[in-house]
Amino acid sequence: MKQTASNLVADGPKLFKTMNLLRLSAPTLKATIVPTLDDIIAAGARQTYTEELLGYLIERRGLQLAAARCDGLNWYEIDNAEDLQIAERIFRNRMNAYTPTRDLQTR
């Protein structure tokens, strides 16, 4: 769906965005993801989308993934240095308040 704010239809579907945020276990990476990536690279595919890799692994090798709802989370997609600068401006106050070691200690 290539819907943007400029071509949004009032009675059409709502805009949505996937985050493609992945958390993979070390055993899954070692046994499944990395060997498949090595095979893809060896076959000459250097510009394959992550979704293609995951789709292949789900269909052919039984990889199981679960989705997580992220409604209400504030985030910004970063694809390049300019995006990073924008995100840093947007989240500046939150970044200053975030202390990873403090958050880890409370878990």
Protein backbone atom coordinates (compact mmCIF):
# COMPACT_ATOMS: atom_id res chain seq x y z
CA MET A 1 0.00 0.00 0.00
CA LYS A 2 1.60 3.23 -1.12
CA GLN A 3 -0.67 5.57 0.79
CA THR A 4 0.66 8.90 1.97
CA ALA A 5 -0.90 11.87 3.71
CA SER A 6 -1.12 13.70 0.36
CA ASN A 7 -3.22 11.01 -1.36
CA LEU A 8 -5.25 9.94 1.67
CA VAL A 9 -8.92 9.35 0.87
CA ALA A 10 -11.29 10.47 3.60
CA ASP A 11 -13.33 7.27 3.58
CA GLY A 12 -10.37 5.06 2.71
CA PRO A 13 -8.29 2.87 5.00
CA LYS A 14 -6.29 4.44 7.80
CA LEU A 15 -2.58 5.03 7.32
CA PHE A 16 -0.34 2.51 8.97
CA LYS A 17 3.36 1.83 9.22
CA THR A 18 5.25 -1.29 10.12
CA MET A 19 8.31 -0.90 12.29
CA ASN A 20 10.18 -4.06 11.30
CA LEU A 21 11.78 -4.17 14.69
CA LEU A 22 13.17 -7.65 15.24
CA ARG A 23 14.46 -9.46 18.28
CA LEU A 24 16.04 -12.79 17.41
CA SER A 25 17.55 -15.26 19.82
CA ALA A 26 21.23 -16.20 19.59
CA PRO A 27 20.41 -19.84 18.77
CA THR A 28 18.06 -18.78 15.95
CA LEU A 29 20.67 -16.41 14.55
CA LYS A 30 23.40 -19.01 14.72
CA ALA A 31 21.42 -21.99 13.41
CA THR A 32 19.09 -20.33 10.90
CA ILE A 33 19.54 -16.64 10.05
CA VAL A 34 23.31 -16.38 9.57
CA PRO A 35 23.70 -19.60 7.52
CA THR A 36 20.85 -18.50 5.24
CA LEU A 37 22.37 -15.05 4.85
CA ASP A 38 25.68 -16.69 3.94
CA ASP A 39 23.88 -18.79 1.29
CA ILE A 40 22.10 -15.74 -0.16
CA ILE A 41 25.33 -13.74 -0.35
CA ALA A 42 27.21 -16.67 -1.88
CA ALA A 43 24.49 -16.90 -4.55
CA GLY A 44 25.20 -13.27 -5.48
CA ALA A 45 22.16 -11.59 -3.94
CA ARG A 46 23.52 -8.43 -2.36
CA GLN A 47 20.37 -6.30 -2.15
CA THR A 48 17.70 -8.56 -0.70
CA TYR A 49 15.06 -7.18 1.65
CA THR A 50 14.84 -8.52 5.17
CA GLU A 51 11.20 -9.45 4.52
CA GLU A 52 12.29 -11.74 1.66
CA LEU A 53 14.74 -13.55 3.91
CA LEU A 54 12.17 -13.95 6.68
CA GLY A 55 9.48 -15.07 4.23
CA TYR A 56 11.79 -17.74 2.85
CA LEU A 57 12.72 -18.94 6.34
CA ILE A 58 9.08 -19.10 7.41
CA GLU A 59 7.97 -20.98 4.28
CA ARG A 60 10.89 -23.33 3.80
CA ARG A 61 12.53 -23.76 7.17
CA GLY A 62 9.69 -23.36 9.63
CA LEU A 63 10.89 -20.15 11.30
CA GLN A 64 8.21 -18.92 13.68
CA LEU A 65 7.73 -15.22 14.39
CA ALA A 66 5.28 -13.37 16.58
CA ALA A 67 3.98 -9.84 16.10
CA ALA A 68 3.81 -7.27 18.87
CA ARG A 69 1.43 -4.30 18.88
CA CYS A 70 3.20 -0.99 19.31
CA ASP A 71 0.19 1.31 19.41
CA GLY A 72 0.88 4.44 21.37
CA LEU A 73 4.67 4.21 21.11
CA ASN A 74 6.54 7.23 19.85
CA TRP A 75 9.13 6.41 17.21
CA TYR A 76 10.72 7.81 14.07
CA GLU A 77 12.05 5.83 11.12
CA ILE A 78 15.77 6.42 10.57
CA ASP A 79 17.11 5.58 7.12
CA ASN A 80 19.95 8.07 6.83
CA ALA A 81 21.96 10.71 8.69
CA GLU A 82 19.33 13.41 8.11
CA ASP A 83 16.62 11.18 9.62
CA LEU A 84 18.86 10.58 12.64
CA GLN A 85 19.26 14.32 13.19
CA ILE A 86 15.49 14.81 13.00
CA ALA A 87 14.88 11.96 15.46
CA GLU A 88 17.47 13.38 17.85
CA ARG A 89 15.65 16.74 17.81
CA ILE A 90 12.24 15.11 18.30
CA PHE A 91 13.35 12.89 21.17
CA ARG A 92 16.04 15.11 22.74
CA ASN A 93 14.24 15.48 26.10
CA ARG A 94 13.38 11.80 26.26
CA MET A 95 16.94 10.78 25.41
CA ASN A 96 18.29 12.86 28.28
CA ALA A 97 15.83 11.22 30.69
CA TYR A 98 16.66 7.69 29.49
CA THR A 99 19.36 5.86 31.41
CA PRO A 100 19.85 2.30 30.12
CA THR A 101 21.63 1.08 33.26
CA ARG A 102 18.86 2.43 35.49
CA ASP A 103 16.22 0.74 33.31
CA LEU A 104 18.08 -2.57 33.37
CA GLN A 105 18.43 -2.46 37.14
CA THR A 106 14.68 -2.10 37.62
CA ARG A 107 13.87 -5.29 35.67
